[in-house]
PDB file of N, CA and C in Angstrom:
ATOM      1  N   MET A   1      99.880 100.465 104.727  1.00  0.00           N
ATOM      2  CA  MET A   1      99.172 100.098 103.518  1.00  0.00           C
ATOM      3  C   MET A   1     100.179  99.748 102.425  1.00  0.00           C
ATOM      4  N   TYR A   2      99.810  98.794 101.627  1.00  0.00           N
ATOM      5  CA  TYR A   2     100.618  98.394 100.476  1.00  0.00           C
ATOM      6  C   TYR A   2      99.665  98.361  99.287  1.00  0.00           C
ATOM      7  N   CYS A   3      99.926  99.177  98.283  1.00  0.00           N
ATOM      8  CA  CYS A   3      99.005  99.335  97.147  1.00  0.00           C
ATOM      9  C   CYS A   3      99.725  99.025  95.837  1.00  0.00           C
ATOM     10  N   LEU A   4      98.991  98.391  94.935  1.00  0.00           N
ATOM     11  CA  LEU A   4      99.522  98.058  93.607  1.00  0.00           C
ATOM     12  C   LEU A   4      98.521  98.428  92.524  1.00  0.00           C
ATOM     13  N   LEU A   5      99.052  98.740  91.360  1.00  0.00           N
ATOM     14  CA  LEU A   5      98.277  98.851  90.142  1.00  0.00           C
ATOM     15  C   LEU A   5      98.949  97.919  89.142  1.00  0.00           C
ATOM     16  N   VAL A   6      98.195  96.943  88.638  1.00  0.00           N
ATOM     17  CA  VAL A   6      98.762  95.938  87.747  1.00  0.00           C
ATOM     18  C   VAL A   6      97.984  95.942  86.439  1.00  0.00           C
ATOM     19  N   ARG A   7      98.709  95.995  85.335  1.00  0.00           N
ATOM     20  CA  ARG A   7      98.089  96.003  84.003  1.00  0.00           C
ATOM     21  C   ARG A   7      98.507  94.733  83.262  1.00  0.00           C
ATOM     22  N   PHE A   8      97.497  93.970  82.820  1.00  0.00           N
ATOM     23  CA  PHE A   8      97.706  92.759  82.034  1.00  0.00           C
ATOM     24  C   PHE A   8      97.168  92.997  80.628  1.00  0.00           C
ATOM     25  N   ARG A   9      97.867  92.480  79.633  1.00  0.00           N
ATOM     26  CA  ARG A   9      97.365  92.496  78.255  1.00  0.00           C
ATOM     27  C   ARG A   9      97.237  91.042  77.802  1.00  0.00           C
ATOM     28  N   VAL A  10      96.007  90.664  77.411  1.00  0.00           N
ATOM     29  CA  VAL A  10      95.755  89.288  76.989  1.00  0.00           C
ATOM     30  C   VAL A  10      95.899  89.171  75.473  1.00  0.00           C
ATOM     31  N   LEU A  11      96.052  87.931  75.012  1.00  0.00           N
ATOM     32  CA  LEU A  11      96.349  87.676  73.609  1.00  0.00           C
ATOM     33  C   LEU A  11      95.210  88.012  72.654  1.00  0.00           C
ATOM     34  N   ASP A  12      93.995  87.588  73.000  1.00  0.00           N
ATOM     35  CA  ASP A  12      92.853  87.736  72.101  1.00  0.00           C
ATOM     36  C   ASP A  12      91.564  87.588  72.907  1.00  0.00           C
ATOM     37  N   GLU A  13      90.435  87.596  72.220  1.00  0.00           N
ATOM     38  CA  GLU A  13      89.140  87.511  72.913  1.00  0.00           C
ATOM     39  C   GLU A  13      88.952  86.185  73.655  1.00  0.00           C
ATOM     40  N   VAL A  14      89.414  85.097  73.074  1.00  0.00           N
ATOM     41  CA  VAL A  14      89.306  83.797  73.748  1.00  0.00           C
ATOM     42  C   VAL A  14      90.138  83.821  75.032  1.00  0.00           C
ATOM     43  N   ALA A  15      91.349  84.333  74.941  1.00  0.00           N
ATOM     44  CA  ALA A  15      92.204  84.445  76.124  1.00  0.00           C
ATOM     45  C   ALA A  15      91.579  85.379  77.155  1.00  0.00           C
ATOM     46  N   ALA A  16      90.923  86.439  76.685  1.00  0.00           N
ATOM     47  CA  ALA A  16      90.278  87.384  77.603  1.00  0.00           C
ATOM     48  C   ALA A  16      89.177  86.696  78.406  1.00  0.00           C
ATOM     49  N   ARG A  17      88.370  85.879  77.756  1.00  0.00           N
ATOM     50  CA  ARG A  17      87.311  85.160  78.465  1.00  0.00           C
ATOM     51  C   ARG A  17      87.895  84.201  79.505  1.00  0.00           C
ATOM     52  N   ARG A  18      88.936  83.487  79.133  1.00  0.00           N
ATOM     53  CA  ARG A  18      89.577  82.563  80.076  1.00  0.00           C
ATOM     54  C   ARG A  18      90.223  83.322  81.229  1.00  0.00           C
ATOM     55  N   PHE A  19      90.876  84.442  80.912  1.00  0.00           N
ATOM     56  CA  PHE A  19      91.499  85.261  81.952  1.00  0.00           C
ATOM     57  C   PHE A  19      90.441  85.770  82.925  1.00  0.00           C
ATOM     58  N   ASP A  20      89.311  86.220  82.401  1.00  0.00           N
ATOM     59  CA  ASP A  20      88.234  86.723  83.261  1.00  0.00           C
ATOM     60  C   ASP A  20      87.664  85.622  84.151  1.00  0.00           C
ATOM     61  N   GLN A  21      87.571  84.397  83.639  1.00  0.00           N
ATOM     62  CA  GLN A  21      87.114  83.275  84.460  1.00  0.00           C
ATOM     63  C   GLN A  21      88.107  82.964  85.573  1.00  0.00           C
ATOM     64  N   LEU A  22      89.393  82.951  85.239  1.00  0.00           N
ATOM     65  CA  LEU A  22      90.426  82.735  86.256  1.00  0.00           C
ATOM     66  C   LEU A  22      90.372  83.830  87.313  1.00  0.00           C
ATOM     67  N   THR A  23      90.182  85.057  86.865  1.00  0.00           N
ATOM     68  CA  THR A  23      90.114  86.193  87.783  1.00  0.00           C
ATOM     69  C   THR A  23      88.929  86.053  88.731  1.00  0.00           C
ATOM     70  N   ALA A  24      87.774  85.690  88.213  1.00  0.00           N
ATOM     71  CA  ALA A  24      86.582  85.548  89.055  1.00  0.00           C
ATOM     72  C   ALA A  24      86.807  84.485  90.135  1.00  0.00           C
ATOM     73  N   THR A  25      87.433  83.383  89.768  1.00  0.00           N
ATOM     74  CA  THR A  25      87.733  82.334  90.737  1.00  0.00           C
ATOM     75  C   THR A  25      88.705  82.844  91.792  1.00  0.00           C
ATOM     76  N   ALA A  26      89.747  83.528  91.360  1.00  0.00           N
ATOM     77  CA  ALA A  26      90.743  84.054  92.300  1.00  0.00           C
ATOM     78  C   ALA A  26      90.123  85.084  93.244  1.00  0.00           C
ATOM     79  N   VAL A  27      89.295  85.974  92.717  1.00  0.00           N
ATOM     80  CA  VAL A  27      88.677  87.002  93.559  1.00  0.00           C
ATOM     81  C   VAL A  27      87.759  86.365  94.603  1.00  0.00           C
ATOM     82  N   ALA A  28      87.046  85.325  94.242  1.00  0.00           N
ATOM     83  CA  ALA A  28      86.198  84.631  95.214  1.00  0.00           C
ATOM     84  C   ALA A  28      87.047  84.053  96.350  1.00  0.00           C
ATOM     85  N   GLU A  29      88.179  83.465  96.021  1.00  0.00           N
ATOM     86  CA  GLU A  29      89.083  82.914  97.036  1.00  0.00           C
ATOM     87  C   GLU A  29      89.704  84.027  97.878  1.00  0.00           C
ATOM     88  N   ILE A  30      90.094  85.107  97.258  1.00  0.00           N
ATOM     89  CA  ILE A  30      90.664  86.248  97.980  1.00  0.00           C
ATOM     90  C   ILE A  30      89.640  86.792  98.966  1.00  0.00           C
ATOM     91  N   THR A  31      88.405  86.936  98.523  1.00  0.00           N
ATOM     92  CA  THR A  31      87.334  87.447  99.379  1.00  0.00           C
ATOM     93  C   THR A  31      87.113  86.532 100.580  1.00  0.00           C
ATOM     94  N   ALA A  32      87.131  85.241 100.349  1.00  0.00           N
ATOM     95  CA  ALA A  32      86.853  84.276 101.418  1.00  0.00           C
ATOM     96  C   ALA A  32      88.022  84.072 102.382  1.00  0.00           C
ATOM     97  N   ASN A  33      89.251  84.269 101.902  1.00  0.00           N
ATOM     98  CA  ASN A  33      90.399  83.813 102.680  1.00  0.00           C
ATOM     99  C   ASN A  33      91.447  84.857 103.052  1.00  0.00           C
ATOM    100  N   GLU A  34      91.314  86.069 102.566  1.00  0.00           N
ATOM    101  CA  GLU A  34      92.381  87.048 102.794  1.00  0.00           C
ATOM    102  C   GLU A  34      91.846  88.267 103.546  1.00  0.00           C
ATOM    103  N   GLN A  35      91.921  88.214 104.850  1.00  0.00           N
ATOM    104  CA  GLN A  35      91.444  89.337 105.666  1.00  0.00           C
ATOM    105  C   GLN A  35      92.295  90.588 105.480  1.00  0.00           C
ATOM    106  N   GLY A  36      93.564  90.423 105.134  1.00  0.00           N
ATOM    107  CA  GLY A  36      94.457  91.566 104.969  1.00  0.00           C
ATOM    108  C   GLY A  36      94.378  92.238 103.618  1.00  0.00           C
ATOM    109  N   THR A  37      93.602  91.646 102.695  1.00  0.00           N
ATOM    110  CA  THR A  37      93.393  92.284 101.396  1.00  0.00           C
ATOM    111  C   THR A  37      92.180  93.192 101.535  1.00  0.00           C
ATOM    112  N   LEU A  38      92.427  94.485 101.532  1.00  0.00           N
ATOM    113  CA  LEU A  38      91.357  95.460 101.775  1.00  0.00           C
ATOM    114  C   LEU A  38      90.582  95.787 100.506  1.00  0.00           C
ATOM    115  N   VAL A  39      91.272  95.871  99.377  1.00  0.00           N
ATOM    116  CA  VAL A  39      90.632  96.132  98.082  1.00  0.00           C
ATOM    117  C   VAL A  39      91.316  95.261  97.045  1.00  0.00           C
ATOM    118  N   TYR A  40      90.527  94.586  96.241  1.00  0.00           N
ATOM    119  CA  TYR A  40      91.047  93.833  95.103  1.00  0.00           C
ATOM    120  C   TYR A  40      90.044  94.061  93.981  1.00  0.00           C
ATOM    121  N   ALA A  41      90.246  95.132  93.254  1.00  0.00           N
ATOM    122  CA  ALA A  41      89.293  95.559  92.228  1.00  0.00           C
ATOM    123  C   ALA A  41      89.883  95.311  90.846  1.00  0.00           C
ATOM    124  N   THR A  42      89.113  94.636  90.000  1.00  0.00           N
ATOM    125  CA  THR A  42      89.570  94.357  88.644  1.00  0.00           C
ATOM    126  C   THR A  42      88.750  95.194  87.666  1.00  0.00           C
ATOM    127  N   HIS A  43      89.419  95.628  86.597  1.00  0.00           N
ATOM    128  CA  HIS A  43      88.790  96.543  85.646  1.00  0.00           C
ATOM    129  C   HIS A  43      89.169  96.163  84.222  1.00  0.00           C
ATOM    130  N   ARG A  44      88.315  96.573  83.281  1.00  0.00           N
ATOM    131  CA  ARG A  44      88.634  96.505  81.853  1.00  0.00           C
ATOM    132  C   ARG A  44      88.485  97.911  81.308  1.00  0.00           C
ATOM    133  N   PRO A  45      89.574  98.527  80.852  1.00  0.00           N
ATOM    134  CA  PRO A  45      89.455  99.864  80.274  1.00  0.00           C
ATOM    135  C   PRO A  45      88.494  99.852  79.084  1.00  0.00           C
ATOM    136  N   GLN A  46      87.652 100.855  78.988  1.00  0.00           N
ATOM    137  CA  GLN A  46      86.620 100.897  77.946  1.00  0.00           C
ATOM    138  C   GLN A  46      87.192 100.825  76.540  1.00  0.00           C
ATOM    139  N   ASP A  47      88.320 101.457  76.297  1.00  0.00           N
ATOM    140  CA  ASP A  47      88.887 101.497  74.951  1.00  0.00           C
ATOM    141  C   ASP A  47      89.966 100.452  74.701  1.00  0.00           C
ATOM    142  N   GLU A  48      90.138  99.527  75.657  1.00  0.00           N
ATOM    143  CA  GLU A  48      91.170  98.500  75.529  1.00  0.00           C
ATOM    144  C   GLU A  48      90.585  97.140  75.913  1.00  0.00           C
ATOM    145  N   PRO A  49      89.849  96.505  75.011  1.00  0.00           N
ATOM    146  CA  PRO A  49      89.150  95.261  75.365  1.00  0.00           C
ATOM    147  C   PRO A  49      90.064  94.087  75.722  1.00  0.00           C
ATOM    148  N   LEU A  50      91.336  94.177  75.390  1.00  0.00           N
ATOM    149  CA  LEU A  50      92.259  93.093  75.713  1.00  0.00           C
ATOM    150  C   LEU A  50      93.187  93.451  76.877  1.00  0.00           C
ATOM    151  N   THR A  51      92.815  94.468  77.628  1.00  0.00           N
ATOM    152  CA  THR A  51      93.594  94.888  78.794  1.00  0.00           C
ATOM    153  C   THR A  51      92.760  94.713  80.053  1.00  0.00           C
ATOM    154  N   ARG A  52      93.418  94.291  81.115  1.00  0.00           N
ATOM    155  CA  ARG A  52      92.798  94.197  82.425  1.00  0.00           C
ATOM    156  C   ARG A  52      93.689  94.943  83.404  1.00  0.00           C
ATOM    157  N   VAL A  53      93.069  95.713  84.298  1.00  0.00           N
ATOM    158  CA  VAL A  53      93.793  96.487  85.290  1.00  0.00           C
ATOM    159  C   VAL A  53      93.289  96.083  86.671  1.00  0.00           C
ATOM    160  N   PHE A  54      94.207  95.755  87.548  1.00  0.00           N
ATOM    161  CA  PHE A  54      93.868  95.386  88.921  1.00  0.00           C
ATOM    162  C   PHE A  54      94.367  96.488  89.846  1.00  0.00           C
ATOM    163  N   TYR A  55      93.513  96.897  90.763  1.00  0.00           N
ATOM    164  CA  TYR A  55      93.898  97.824  91.821  1.00  0.00           C
ATOM    165  C   TYR A  55      93.809  97.049  93.118  1.00  0.00           C
ATOM    166  N   GLU A  56      94.922  96.987  93.849  1.00  0.00           N
ATOM    167  CA  GLU A  56      95.008  96.142  95.031  1.00  0.00           C
ATOM    168  C   GLU A  56      95.506  96.957  96.219  1.00  0.00           C
ATOM    169  N   VAL A  57      94.836  96.796  97.351  1.00  0.00           N
ATOM    170  CA  VAL A  57      95.264  97.455  98.580  1.00  0.00           C
ATOM    171  C   VAL A  57      95.303  96.407  99.686  1.00  0.00           C
ATOM    172  N   TYR A  58      96.453  96.332 100.326  1.00  0.00           N
ATOM    173  CA  TYR A  58      96.675  95.386 101.407  1.00  0.00           C
ATOM    174  C   TYR A  58      96.912  96.153 102.703  1.00  0.00           C
ATOM    175  N   ARG A  59      96.536  95.552 103.809  1.00  0.00           N
ATOM    176  CA  ARG A  59      96.703  96.183 105.115  1.00  0.00           C
ATOM    177  C   ARG A  59      98.156  96.602 105.330  1.00  0.00           C
ATOM    178  N   ASP A  60      99.095  95.731 104.908  1.00  0.00           N
ATOM    179  CA  ASP A  60     100.519  96.005 105.068  1.00  0.00           C
ATOM    180  C   ASP A  60     101.294  95.022 104.186  1.00  0.00           C
ATOM    181  N   ASP A  61     102.616  95.125 104.232  1.00  0.00           N
ATOM    182  CA  ASP A  61     103.449  94.244 103.415  1.00  0.00           C
ATOM    183  C   ASP A  61     103.241  92.774 103.787  1.00  0.00           C
ATOM    184  N   GLU A  62     103.024  92.497 105.052  1.00  0.00           N
ATOM    185  CA  GLU A  62     102.790  91.122 105.495  1.00  0.00           C
ATOM    186  C   GLU A  62     101.536  90.549 104.836  1.00  0.00           C
ATOM    187  N   ALA A  63     100.485  91.344 104.747  1.00  0.00           N
ATOM    188  CA  ALA A  63      99.249  90.891 104.086  1.00  0.00           C
ATOM    189  C   ALA A  63      99.489  90.651 102.600  1.00  0.00           C
ATOM    190  N   PHE A  64     100.295  91.515 101.979  1.00  0.00           N
ATOM    191  CA  PHE A  64     100.627  91.319 100.565  1.00  0.00           C
ATOM    192  C   PHE A  64     101.408  90.015 100.382  1.00  0.00           C
ATOM    193  N   GLN A  65     102.384  89.771 101.252  1.00  0.00           N
ATOM    194  CA  GLN A  65     103.164  88.536 101.154  1.00  0.00           C
ATOM    195  C   GLN A  65     102.276  87.310 101.351  1.00  0.00           C
ATOM    196  N   ALA A  66     101.337  87.382 102.284  1.00  0.00           N
ATOM    197  CA  ALA A  66     100.395  86.271 102.484  1.00  0.00           C
ATOM    198  C   ALA A  66      99.571  86.040 101.217  1.00  0.00           C
ATOM    199  N   HIS A  67      99.147  87.125 100.572  1.00  0.00           N
ATOM    200  CA  HIS A  67      98.400  87.039  99.311  1.00  0.00           C
ATOM    201  C   HIS A  67      99.247  86.339  98.248  1.00  0.00           C
ATOM    202  N   GLU A  68     100.464  86.802  98.064  1.00  0.00           N
ATOM    203  CA  GLU A  68     101.329  86.260  97.013  1.00  0.00           C
ATOM    204  C   GLU A  68     101.642  84.776  97.216  1.00  0.00           C
ATOM    205  N   HIS A  69     101.643  84.311  98.451  1.00  0.00           N
ATOM    206  CA  HIS A  69     101.965  82.912  98.740  1.00  0.00           C
ATOM    207  C   HIS A  69     100.739  82.021  98.932  1.00  0.00           C
ATOM    208  N   ALA A  70      99.562  82.586  98.761  1.00  0.00           N
ATOM    209  CA  ALA A  70      98.331  81.798  98.890  1.00  0.00           C
ATOM    210  C   ALA A  70      98.201  80.840  97.702  1.00  0.00           C
ATOM    211  N   PRO A  71      97.752  79.617  97.938  1.00  0.00           N
ATOM    212  CA  PRO A  71      97.631  78.637  96.846  1.00  0.00           C
ATOM    213  C   PRO A  71      96.782  79.136  95.677  1.00  0.00           C
ATOM    214  N   HIS A  72      95.689  79.839  95.951  1.00  0.00           N
ATOM    215  CA  HIS A  72      94.833  80.308  94.860  1.00  0.00           C
ATOM    216  C   HIS A  72      95.524  81.377  94.017  1.00  0.00           C
ATOM    217  N   VAL A  73      96.409  82.156  94.591  1.00  0.00           N
ATOM    218  CA  VAL A  73      97.147  83.180  93.837  1.00  0.00           C
ATOM    219  C   VAL A  73      98.262  82.521  93.024  1.00  0.00           C
ATOM    220  N   ILE A  74      98.944  81.570  93.616  1.00  0.00           N
ATOM    221  CA  ILE A  74      99.976  80.827  92.877  1.00  0.00           C
ATOM    222  C   ILE A  74      99.353  80.138  91.668  1.00  0.00           C
ATOM    223  N   ASP A  75      98.181  79.533  91.858  1.00  0.00           N
ATOM    224  CA  ASP A  75      97.468  78.876  90.754  1.00  0.00           C
ATOM    225  C   ASP A  75      97.067  79.887  89.684  1.00  0.00           C
ATOM    226  N   PHE A  76      96.542  81.044  90.099  1.00  0.00           N
ATOM    227  CA  PHE A  76      96.162  82.093  89.146  1.00  0.00           C
ATOM    228  C   PHE A  76      97.363  82.499  88.296  1.00  0.00           C
ATOM    229  N   HIS A  77      98.496  82.768  88.936  1.00  0.00           N
ATOM    230  CA  HIS A  77      99.684  83.200  88.193  1.00  0.00           C
ATOM    231  C   HIS A  77     100.143  82.124  87.209  1.00  0.00           C
ATOM    232  N   ALA A  78     100.107  80.880  87.619  1.00  0.00           N
ATOM    233  CA  ALA A  78     100.543  79.789  86.741  1.00  0.00           C
ATOM    234  C   ALA A  78      99.620  79.637  85.536  1.00  0.00           C
ATOM    235  N   ARG A  79      98.320  79.749  85.758  1.00  0.00           N
ATOM    236  CA  ARG A  79      97.348  79.501  84.689  1.00  0.00           C
ATOM    237  C   ARG A  79      97.163  80.698  83.755  1.00  0.00           C
ATOM    238  N   LYS A  80      97.453  81.914  84.222  1.00  0.00           N
ATOM    239  CA  LYS A  80      97.267  83.103  83.391  1.00  0.00           C
ATOM    240  C   LYS A  80      98.398  83.299  82.395  1.00  0.00           C
ATOM    241  N   ALA A  81      99.562  82.741  82.690  1.00  0.00           N
ATOM    242  CA  ALA A  81     100.758  83.018  81.898  1.00  0.00           C
ATOM    243  C   ALA A  81     100.543  82.785  80.403  1.00  0.00           C
ATOM    244  N   GLU A  82      99.897  81.697  80.028  1.00  0.00           N
ATOM    245  CA  GLU A  82      99.714  81.371  78.605  1.00  0.00           C
ATOM    246  C   GLU A  82      98.690  82.276  77.912  1.00  0.00           C
ATOM    247  N   LEU A  83      97.968  83.066  78.689  1.00  0.00           N
ATOM    248  CA  LEU A  83      96.929  83.931  78.130  1.00  0.00           C
ATOM    249  C   LEU A  83      97.413  85.352  77.851  1.00  0.00           C
ATOM    250  N   LEU A  84      98.616  85.674  78.303  1.00  0.00           N
ATOM    251  CA  LEU A  84      99.105  87.045  78.232  1.00  0.00           C
ATOM    252  C   LEU A  84      99.952  87.316  76.999  1.00  0.00           C
ATOM    253  N   ALA A  85      99.874  88.560  76.504  1.00  0.00           N
ATOM    254  CA  ALA A  85     100.656  88.996  75.352  1.00  0.00           C
ATOM    255  C   ALA A  85     102.056  89.438  75.761  1.00  0.00           C
ATOM    256  N   GLY A  86     102.311  89.537  77.044  1.00  0.00           N
ATOM    257  CA  GLY A  86     103.616  89.957  77.553  1.00  0.00           C
ATOM    258  C   GLY A  86     103.568  90.012  79.065  1.00  0.00           C
ATOM    259  N   PRO A  87     104.647  90.471  79.673  1.00  0.00           N
ATOM    260  CA  PRO A  87     104.665  90.536  81.139  1.00  0.00           C
ATOM    261  C   PRO A  87     103.710  91.597  81.671  1.00  0.00           C
ATOM    262  N   ALA A  88     103.224  91.381  82.866  1.00  0.00           N
ATOM    263  CA  ALA A  88     102.361  92.365  83.519  1.00  0.00           C
ATOM    264  C   ALA A  88     103.186  93.610  83.851  1.00  0.00           C
ATOM    265  N   GLU A  89     102.521  94.750  83.840  1.00  0.00           N
ATOM    266  CA  GLU A  89     103.135  95.999  84.277  1.00  0.00           C
ATOM    267  C   GLU A  89     102.658  96.250  85.702  1.00  0.00           C
ATOM    268  N   VAL A  90     103.589  96.354  86.644  1.00  0.00           N
ATOM    269  CA  VAL A  90     103.247  96.488  88.055  1.00  0.00           C
ATOM    270  C   VAL A  90     103.794  97.801  88.590  1.00  0.00           C
ATOM    271  N   GLU A  91     102.931  98.565  89.229  1.00  0.00           N
ATOM    272  CA  GLU A  91     103.342  99.790  89.904  1.00  0.00           C
ATOM    273  C   GLU A  91     102.988  99.667  91.376  1.00  0.00           C
ATOM    274  N   VAL A  92     103.954  99.922  92.249  1.00  0.00           N
ATOM    275  CA  VAL A  92     103.682 100.010  93.677  1.00  0.00           C
ATOM    276  C   VAL A  92     103.330 101.465  93.948  1.00  0.00           C
ATOM    277  N   LEU A  93     102.208 101.676  94.619  1.00  0.00           N
ATOM    278  CA  LEU A  93     101.684 103.016  94.838  1.00  0.00           C
ATOM    279  C   LEU A  93     101.816 103.431  96.292  1.00  0.00           C
ATOM    280  N   THR A  94     101.946 104.726  96.517  1.00  0.00           N
ATOM    281  CA  THR A  94     101.884 105.286  97.861  1.00  0.00           C
ATOM    282  C   THR A  94     100.517 105.924  98.016  1.00  0.00           C
ATOM    283  N   LEU A  95      99.780 105.481  99.018  1.00  0.00           N
ATOM    284  CA  LEU A  95      98.429 105.967  99.245  1.00  0.00           C
ATOM    285  C   LEU A  95      98.454 107.432  99.656  1.00  0.00           C
ATOM    286  N   GLY A  96      97.644 108.241  98.993  1.00  0.00           N
ATOM    287  CA  GLY A  96      97.488 109.639  99.338  1.00  0.00           C
ATOM    288  C   GLY A  96      96.079 109.875  99.883  1.00  0.00           C
ATOM    289  N   PRO A  97      95.629 111.110  99.873  1.00  0.00           N
ATOM    290  CA  PRO A  97      94.267 111.380 100.342  1.00  0.00           C
ATOM    291  C   PRO A  97      93.252 110.559  99.543  1.00  0.00           C
ATOM    292  N   PHE A  98      92.229 110.091 100.199  1.00  0.00           N
ATOM    293  CA  PHE A  98      91.231 109.262  99.523  1.00  0.00           C
ATOM    294  C   PHE A  98      89.899 109.375 100.237  1.00  0.00           C
ATOM    295  N   ARG A  99      88.886 108.898  99.550  1.00  0.00           N
ATOM    296  CA  ARG A  99      87.539 108.712 100.105  1.00  0.00           C
ATOM    297  C   ARG A  99      87.168 107.287  99.768  1.00  0.00           C
ATOM    298  N   GLY A 100      86.605 106.582 100.691  1.00  0.00           N
ATOM    299  CA  GLY A 100      86.227 105.208 100.367  1.00  0.00           C
ATOM    300  C   GLY A 100      86.181 104.322 101.579  1.00  0.00           C
ATOM    301  N   TRP A 101      86.789 103.158 101.447  1.00  0.00           N
ATOM    302  CA  TRP A 101      86.694 102.122 102.456  1.00  0.00           C
ATOM    303  C   TRP A 101      87.294 102.595 103.789  1.00  0.00           C
ATOM    304  N   PRO A 102      86.803 102.040 104.883  1.00  0.00           N
ATOM    305  CA  PRO A 102      87.415 102.371 106.176  1.00  0.00           C
ATOM    306  C   PRO A 102      88.765 101.676 106.307  1.00  0.00           C
ATOM    307  N   LEU A 103      89.709 102.330 106.919  1.00  0.00           N
ATOM    308  CA  LEU A 103      91.023 101.725 107.138  1.00  0.00           C
ATOM    309  C   LEU A 103      90.919 100.700 108.253  1.00  0.00           C
ATOM    310  N   ALA A 104      91.470  99.527 108.004  1.00  0.00           N
ATOM    311  CA  ALA A 104      91.435  98.454 109.009  1.00  0.00           C
ATOM    312  C   ALA A 104      92.723  98.414 109.785  1.00  0.00           C
TER     313      ALA A 104
END
């Protein structure tokens, strides 16, 4: 398993709406085309309207690399850059005990 927690901070409400639209498009493509992406969950913290948090779980490093090199992900990264207040904060996580999706 390869797990990430990614935090994005957008510039303003207009940027937030555009970022959310880009995210919805990317998630649809991920769902349709990435069998190795087990979880791709996007969140907005309740007290941080200009923050977005992504929780991502991949079958393995190979699945993560396939995700990162997919055309829809490359497009997402290119188009989101102008909407952000700074660089994304990325944490690679080690999966511990959990309840939820079946392991593939």
